[in-house]
């Protein structure tokens, strides 16, 4: 059975990790081996590696002043580690790999958000990963064009653990650039699908979004 690489993207607070877990359950029900990863790392050891998690701790540390190129370097190093140790081996044996974030985050945050040349980001990413990594089978982008709701969701998530990091705490203008970036990026990638978390005056439930994602990947 051929492998499938699925990426779930979007700004902080859109529910990527939750949707990745629900999608993993769905794919398991289809009889597939499923591996879930989180870039640039995760609190869950099963979704990361020790090196990627260490790099993530540096990235999340907002007290460490650094320029956008250093952010690109840190993300690229973590990306290389996850590709080599988690993603590529799983794809090679025919598994479904579901990733919360990939290089599209760097295009949105470091490129459109922090001003790094996007062609440069693409070149560095190709150097650190592989052609298969650059072309996921499905890219699902969750959008939430409401800054107050985004902050509310992050605050709720942070009640039990401090998850606020370098990018979650950036200005509203920065977040707007990132939100717009995801739509621009999606328009350029044929394998991308945008799901609005807010539609027709209502916020969609977790279950509603999950159903939409399932309809996208049901051709698995």
Protein backbone atom coordinates (compact mmCIF):
# COMPACT_ATOMS: atom_id res chain seq x y z
CA UNK A 1 0.00 0.00 0.00
CA UNK A 2 1.40 3.40 -0.96
CA UNK A 3 2.32 5.92 1.71
CA UNK A 4 0.36 9.10 2.35
CA UNK A 5 1.76 12.33 3.74
CA UNK A 6 -0.80 14.72 5.24
CA UNK A 7 0.00 18.13 6.69
CA UNK A 8 -2.35 20.18 8.87
CA UNK A 9 -1.41 23.86 8.94
CA UNK A 10 -2.64 27.18 10.28
CA UNK A 11 -1.96 29.95 12.74
CA UNK A 12 -1.70 29.26 16.48
CA UNK A 13 -5.08 28.56 18.04
CA UNK A 14 -6.72 26.98 15.01
CA UNK A 15 -6.70 23.46 16.49
CA UNK A 16 -4.07 21.71 14.35
CA UNK A 17 -2.95 19.18 16.97
CA UNK A 18 -6.52 18.24 17.87
CA UNK A 19 -7.44 17.70 14.23
CA UNK A 20 -4.27 15.69 13.63
CA UNK A 21 -5.25 13.34 16.45
CA UNK A 22 -8.81 12.93 15.17
CA UNK A 23 -7.57 12.30 11.64
CA UNK A 24 -5.10 9.72 12.95
CA UNK A 25 -7.98 7.87 14.62
CA UNK A 26 -9.95 7.96 11.35
CA UNK A 27 -7.02 6.59 9.32
CA UNK A 28 -6.42 3.83 11.86
CA UNK A 29 -10.05 2.81 11.44
CA UNK A 30 -9.32 2.38 7.73
CA UNK A 31 -6.71 -0.22 8.65
CA UNK A 32 -3.69 1.97 7.97
CA UNK A 33 -0.51 2.33 9.99
CA UNK A 34 -0.45 5.93 11.16
CA UNK A 35 2.43 8.05 12.45
CA UNK A 36 1.73 11.52 13.88
CA UNK A 37 4.44 14.16 14.22
CA UNK A 38 4.51 17.79 15.32
CA UNK A 39 6.96 20.34 13.97
CA UNK A 40 9.30 21.62 15.23
CA UNK A 41 8.82 19.13 18.07
CA UNK A 42 6.29 18.07 20.69
CA UNK A 43 5.64 17.49 24.37
CA UNK A 44 4.56 13.98 23.31
CA UNK A 45 7.70 11.82 22.88
CA UNK A 46 5.91 9.68 20.29
CA UNK A 47 5.54 12.65 17.95
CA UNK A 48 9.09 13.93 18.07
CA UNK A 49 12.72 13.05 18.83
CA UNK A 50 14.92 14.26 21.71
CA UNK A 51 16.89 16.53 19.37
CA UNK A 52 13.79 18.05 17.79
CA UNK A 53 12.27 18.66 21.22
CA UNK A 54 15.44 20.40 22.41
CA UNK A 55 15.43 22.65 19.35
CA UNK A 56 11.74 23.35 19.98
CA UNK A 57 12.54 24.54 23.51
CA UNK A 58 14.98 27.07 22.05
CA UNK A 59 12.46 28.21 19.45
CA UNK A 60 9.69 28.66 22.05
CA UNK A 61 11.92 30.64 24.40
CA UNK A 62 10.83 34.22 23.81
CA UNK A 63 13.60 35.58 26.07
CA UNK A 64 16.28 34.60 23.54
CA UNK A 65 16.55 37.50 21.10
CA UNK A 66 17.38 36.34 17.58
CA UNK A 67 16.92 37.43 14.00
CA UNK A 68 14.64 35.68 11.46
CA UNK A 69 17.55 33.84 9.80
CA UNK A 70 18.34 32.12 13.11
CA UNK A 71 14.70 31.10 13.39
CA UNK A 72 14.94 29.63 9.89
CA UNK A 73 18.10 27.74 10.87
CA UNK A 74 16.54 26.33 14.05
CA UNK A 75 13.36 25.24 12.30
CA UNK A 76 15.35 23.69 9.45
CA UNK A 77 17.52 21.69 11.85
CA UNK A 78 14.45 20.34 13.67
CA UNK A 79 12.80 19.62 10.31
CA UNK A 80 15.82 17.64 9.11
CA UNK A 81 15.80 15.58 12.30
CA UNK A 82 12.09 14.75 12.08
CA UNK A 83 12.31 13.96 8.37
CA UNK A 84 15.26 11.62 8.80
CA UNK A 85 14.16 9.89 11.99
CA UNK A 86 10.35 9.86 11.87
CA UNK A 87 8.69 10.89 8.62
CA UNK A 88 10.84 9.32 5.89
CA UNK A 89 11.10 5.84 7.52
CA UNK A 90 7.31 5.74 8.00
CA UNK A 91 6.61 6.79 4.41
CA UNK A 92 9.11 4.23 3.12
CA UNK A 93 7.17 1.42 4.75
CA UNK A 94 3.83 2.64 3.38
CA UNK A 95 2.38 4.37 6.44
CA UNK A 96 0.16 7.42 6.70
CA UNK A 97 2.12 10.31 8.20
CA UNK A 98 0.11 13.17 9.69
CA UNK A 99 2.13 16.24 10.58
CA UNK A 100 0.94 19.27 12.53
CA UNK A 101 2.93 21.88 10.59
CA UNK A 102 5.72 21.57 8.03
CA UNK A 103 7.76 24.03 5.94
CA UNK A 104 4.60 25.96 5.06
CA UNK A 105 4.70 27.36 8.60
CA UNK A 106 8.14 28.77 7.92
CA UNK A 107 6.95 30.35 4.69
CA UNK A 108 4.09 31.99 6.61
CA UNK A 109 5.92 33.01 9.79
CA UNK A 110 9.52 33.64 8.73
CA UNK A 111 8.70 34.57 5.13
CA UNK A 112 5.55 36.69 5.12
CA UNK A 113 5.66 37.40 8.87
CA UNK A 114 9.34 38.18 9.48
CA UNK A 115 10.42 39.17 5.98
CA UNK A 116 12.78 36.35 4.97
CA UNK A 117 12.88 35.79 1.20
CA UNK A 118 10.55 32.87 0.44
CA UNK A 119 12.77 31.51 -2.35
CA UNK A 120 15.60 31.38 0.19
CA UNK A 121 13.35 29.48 2.61
CA UNK A 122 12.44 26.97 -0.09
CA UNK A 123 16.10 26.44 -1.02
CA UNK A 124 17.13 25.85 2.61
CA UNK A 125 14.21 23.50 3.19
CA UNK A 126 15.10 21.41 0.12
CA UNK A 127 18.68 21.24 1.37
CA UNK A 128 17.57 19.95 4.78
CA UNK A 129 14.83 17.54 3.67
CA UNK A 130 13.85 15.89 0.36
CA UNK A 131 11.52 16.27 -2.61
CA UNK A 132 8.93 13.97 -0.97
CA UNK A 133 8.84 16.20 2.08
CA UNK A 134 8.26 19.27 -0.08
CA UNK A 135 5.17 17.75 -1.73
CA UNK A 136 2.67 16.39 0.81
CA UNK A 137 -0.30 14.50 -0.64
CA UNK A 138 -2.72 16.69 1.29
CA UNK A 139 -2.19 20.12 2.84
CA UNK A 140 -5.08 21.18 5.06
CA UNK A 141 -4.93 24.81 6.18
CA UNK A 142 -7.14 25.91 9.07
CA UNK A 143 -7.95 29.62 9.13
CA UNK A 144 -9.38 31.78 11.91
CA UNK A 145 -9.67 35.44 10.98
CA UNK A 146 -10.50 36.68 14.46
CA UNK A 147 -7.63 37.80 16.68
CA UNK A 148 -9.64 37.98 19.90
CA UNK A 149 -10.95 34.44 19.40
CA UNK A 150 -7.45 33.22 18.57
CA UNK A 151 -6.09 34.70 21.82
CA UNK A 152 -9.00 33.25 23.79
CA UNK A 153 -8.27 29.77 22.48
CA UNK A 154 -4.56 30.04 23.25
CA UNK A 155 -5.31 31.31 26.77
CA UNK A 156 -7.72 28.42 27.37
CA UNK A 157 -5.12 25.94 26.14
CA UNK A 158 -2.54 27.52 28.45
CA UNK A 159 -4.53 27.10 31.65
CA UNK A 160 -2.90 23.77 32.46
CA UNK A 161 0.52 24.34 30.87
CA UNK A 162 2.51 27.33 29.70
CA UNK A 163 2.36 27.08 25.93
CA UNK A 164 2.76 30.77 25.05
CA UNK A 165 5.86 31.14 22.91
CA UNK A 166 7.88 33.44 20.68
CA UNK A 167 5.29 33.64 17.91
CA UNK A 168 1.99 33.26 19.81
CA UNK A 169 2.76 36.48 21.66
CA UNK A 170 3.64 38.57 18.60
CA UNK A 171 1.57 41.63 17.67
CA UNK A 172 -1.83 41.58 15.98
CA UNK A 173 -0.26 42.98 12.80
CA UNK A 174 2.15 40.06 12.72
CA UNK A 175 -0.71 37.58 13.18
CA UNK A 176 -2.67 39.25 10.37
CA UNK A 177 0.31 38.89 8.03
CA UNK A 178 0.54 35.20 8.92
CA UNK A 179 -3.19 34.66 8.39
CA UNK A 180 -3.03 36.35 4.98
CA UNK A 181 0.10 34.39 4.13
CA UNK A 182 -1.62 31.04 4.58
CA UNK A 183 -4.29 32.00 2.07
CA UNK A 184 -1.68 33.22 -0.40
CA UNK A 185 0.36 30.04 -0.01
CA UNK A 186 -2.74 27.86 -0.39
CA UNK A 187 -3.58 29.55 -3.69
CA UNK A 188 -0.19 28.46 -5.05
CA UNK A 189 -0.23 24.82 -3.91
CA UNK A 190 -2.51 22.43 -5.80
CA UNK A 191 -2.64 19.91 -2.95
CA UNK A 192 -3.88 22.47 -0.41
CA UNK A 193 -7.39 22.79 1.04
CA UNK A 194 -8.50 25.75 3.18
CA UNK A 195 -10.99 25.12 5.96
CA UNK A 196 -12.57 28.17 7.60
CA UNK A 197 -12.96 27.74 11.36
CA UNK A 198 -15.51 30.58 11.30
CA UNK A 199 -18.24 30.53 8.68
CA UNK A 200 -21.70 32.06 8.21
CA UNK A 201 -21.53 33.86 11.52
CA UNK A 202 -20.66 30.76 13.57
CA UNK A 203 -17.52 29.05 14.82
CA UNK A 204 -17.37 25.48 13.59
CA UNK A 205 -17.12 22.74 16.18
CA UNK A 206 -14.15 20.41 16.38
CA UNK A 207 -16.38 17.64 15.03
CA UNK A 208 -17.54 19.70 12.04
CA UNK A 209 -13.97 20.50 11.05
CA UNK A 210 -13.01 16.85 11.47
CA UNK A 211 -15.80 15.81 9.08
CA UNK A 212 -14.53 18.29 6.50
CA UNK A 213 -11.01 16.93 6.79
CA UNK A 214 -12.23 13.35 6.48
CA UNK A 215 -14.08 14.28 3.27
CA UNK A 216 -10.83 15.61 1.84
CA UNK A 217 -8.69 12.56 2.61
CA UNK A 218 -11.31 9.81 2.22
CA UNK A 219 -9.72 8.82 -1.06
CA UNK A 220 -6.99 7.22 1.04
